[in-house]
């Protein structure tokens, strides 16, 4: 399951811009659907590579709003890179950089994914040492 859908993109960019970014290039043999699916797949794999140290299973069954936002922002960056790498708008670069920074913080444990308490319990092992409870994150070694 993808972390973002067309409707998520249309909350961030206009339909006209979306269509321009997903338009096939003459002779590449791709459809708009192929292009957006590849951009989302690449973004989602990037996200998973960062969060895999914080959760036991990727991809997430139900992405948080922040994960969906990062999927869209990274995908938009990927789409701009495809058609105009040397002219990517500054706001696209800024949002991409912000997502990567947040994902690095998730990976290092400085930020959380905003998972529900049940999902949080699933992602950590609770081990009792003497009278003190410590959480040991899976895949932390």
Protein backbone atom coordinates (compact mmCIF):
# COMPACT_ATOMS: atom_id res chain seq x y z
CA UNK A 1 0.00 0.00 0.00
CA UNK A 2 1.37 3.41 -0.97
CA UNK A 3 1.77 6.06 1.69
CA UNK A 4 0.17 8.70 -0.55
CA UNK A 5 -2.47 9.00 -3.25
CA UNK A 6 -3.32 11.50 -5.97
CA UNK A 7 -5.75 13.25 -3.61
CA UNK A 8 -2.87 13.90 -1.20
CA UNK A 9 -0.89 15.58 -4.00
CA UNK A 10 -3.82 17.77 -4.96
CA UNK A 11 -3.87 19.16 -1.41
CA UNK A 12 -0.34 20.45 -2.02
CA UNK A 13 -0.21 21.32 -5.74
CA UNK A 14 -2.76 22.20 -8.40
CA UNK A 15 -4.12 19.61 -10.81
CA UNK A 16 -2.42 21.51 -13.64
CA UNK A 17 1.02 21.23 -12.00
CA UNK A 18 0.34 17.59 -11.09
CA UNK A 19 -0.49 16.82 -14.73
CA UNK A 20 2.66 18.62 -15.93
CA UNK A 21 4.87 16.70 -13.50
CA UNK A 22 3.39 13.33 -14.46
CA UNK A 23 3.22 13.94 -18.21
CA UNK A 24 5.08 11.33 -20.25
CA UNK A 25 8.09 12.50 -22.23
CA UNK A 26 7.98 11.70 -25.91
CA UNK A 27 9.51 8.31 -26.56
CA UNK A 28 9.90 7.19 -22.93
CA UNK A 29 7.03 4.69 -23.21
CA UNK A 30 5.67 5.58 -19.79
CA UNK A 31 2.16 6.58 -18.78
CA UNK A 32 1.29 9.23 -16.20
CA UNK A 33 0.30 6.39 -13.88
CA UNK A 34 3.72 4.74 -14.31
CA UNK A 35 5.44 8.02 -13.53
CA UNK A 36 3.49 8.82 -10.36
CA UNK A 37 3.68 5.21 -9.13
CA UNK A 38 7.47 5.24 -9.57
CA UNK A 39 7.81 8.60 -7.78
CA UNK A 40 5.67 7.39 -4.86
CA UNK A 41 7.41 4.00 -4.73
CA UNK A 42 10.82 5.67 -4.62
CA UNK A 43 9.66 8.09 -1.90
CA UNK A 44 8.07 5.31 0.16
CA UNK A 45 11.20 3.15 -0.09
CA UNK A 46 13.25 6.13 1.08
CA UNK A 47 10.90 6.60 4.03
CA UNK A 48 11.00 2.89 4.89
CA UNK A 49 14.80 2.89 4.83
CA UNK A 50 14.81 5.53 7.58
CA UNK A 51 11.96 4.24 9.74
CA UNK A 52 12.91 0.56 9.62
CA UNK A 53 15.04 1.08 12.72
CA UNK A 54 12.05 2.48 14.61
CA UNK A 55 9.36 -0.07 13.70
CA UNK A 56 9.34 -3.83 13.42
CA UNK A 57 7.65 -4.00 10.01
CA UNK A 58 7.70 -1.77 6.95
CA UNK A 59 5.79 -0.63 5.05
CA UNK A 60 3.40 0.70 7.66
CA UNK A 61 -0.16 -0.61 7.31
CA UNK A 62 -1.56 2.79 8.24
CA UNK A 63 0.80 5.69 7.64
CA UNK A 64 0.64 8.68 9.95
CA UNK A 65 -0.13 12.11 8.54
CA UNK A 66 3.55 12.99 8.69
CA UNK A 67 4.50 9.86 6.72
CA UNK A 68 1.89 10.72 4.06
CA UNK A 69 3.17 14.31 3.94
CA UNK A 70 6.74 13.08 3.49
CA UNK A 71 5.64 10.66 0.79
CA UNK A 72 4.04 13.53 -1.13
CA UNK A 73 6.89 15.99 -0.58
CA UNK A 74 9.60 13.51 -1.55
CA UNK A 75 7.55 12.39 -4.56
CA UNK A 76 7.06 15.97 -5.72
CA UNK A 77 10.82 16.50 -5.46
CA UNK A 78 11.37 13.30 -7.47
CA UNK A 79 8.88 14.43 -10.13
CA UNK A 80 10.51 17.85 -10.43
CA UNK A 81 13.92 16.15 -10.66
CA UNK A 82 12.64 14.12 -13.56
CA UNK A 83 11.49 17.08 -15.66
CA UNK A 84 13.58 20.04 -14.52
CA UNK A 85 16.39 19.05 -12.20
CA UNK A 86 18.20 22.36 -12.53
CA UNK A 87 15.04 24.41 -11.86
CA UNK A 88 13.43 22.73 -8.85
CA UNK A 89 11.43 25.37 -6.94
CA UNK A 90 12.96 26.39 -3.62
CA UNK A 91 9.81 25.43 -1.67
CA UNK A 92 10.05 21.88 -3.11
CA UNK A 93 13.70 21.60 -2.03
CA UNK A 94 12.88 23.01 1.42
CA UNK A 95 10.02 20.54 1.99
CA UNK A 96 12.20 17.65 0.76
CA UNK A 97 15.05 18.68 3.06
CA UNK A 98 12.63 19.03 6.01
CA UNK A 99 11.28 15.51 5.41
CA UNK A 100 14.72 13.96 5.18
CA UNK A 101 15.78 15.80 8.34
CA UNK A 102 12.69 14.55 10.21
CA UNK A 103 13.25 11.00 8.94
CA UNK A 104 16.86 11.14 10.18
CA UNK A 105 15.54 12.25 13.57
CA UNK A 106 13.10 9.32 13.60
CA UNK A 107 15.94 6.98 12.69
CA UNK A 108 18.13 8.30 15.52
CA UNK A 109 15.28 8.29 18.05
CA UNK A 110 15.08 12.09 18.38
CA UNK A 111 11.58 12.17 16.85
CA UNK A 112 8.70 9.73 16.84
CA UNK A 113 6.36 8.59 14.12
CA UNK A 114 3.21 9.59 15.96
CA UNK A 115 1.98 6.01 16.15
CA UNK A 116 -0.94 5.04 18.35
CA UNK A 117 -0.16 3.59 21.79
CA UNK A 118 -0.93 0.06 20.53
CA UNK A 119 1.46 0.53 17.61
CA UNK A 120 4.03 2.01 19.99
CA UNK A 121 3.79 -1.07 22.21
CA UNK A 122 4.26 -3.25 19.13
CA UNK A 123 7.40 -1.46 18.06
CA UNK A 124 9.31 -1.82 21.33
CA UNK A 125 10.26 -4.62 23.66
CA UNK A 126 9.80 -3.82 27.35
CA UNK A 127 12.39 -5.51 29.49
CA UNK A 128 12.51 -5.30 33.28
CA UNK A 129 15.92 -5.03 34.92
CA UNK A 130 15.67 -5.14 38.72
CA UNK A 131 13.09 -2.55 39.68
CA UNK A 132 13.52 -0.37 36.64
CA UNK A 133 11.75 -0.80 33.30
CA UNK A 134 13.72 -0.01 30.16
CA UNK A 135 12.65 0.04 26.58
CA UNK A 136 14.90 -1.60 24.07
CA UNK A 137 14.15 -0.73 20.47
CA UNK A 138 14.16 -3.52 17.97
CA UNK A 139 16.86 -3.34 15.35
CA UNK A 140 18.83 -0.89 17.47
CA UNK A 141 22.08 -2.84 17.19
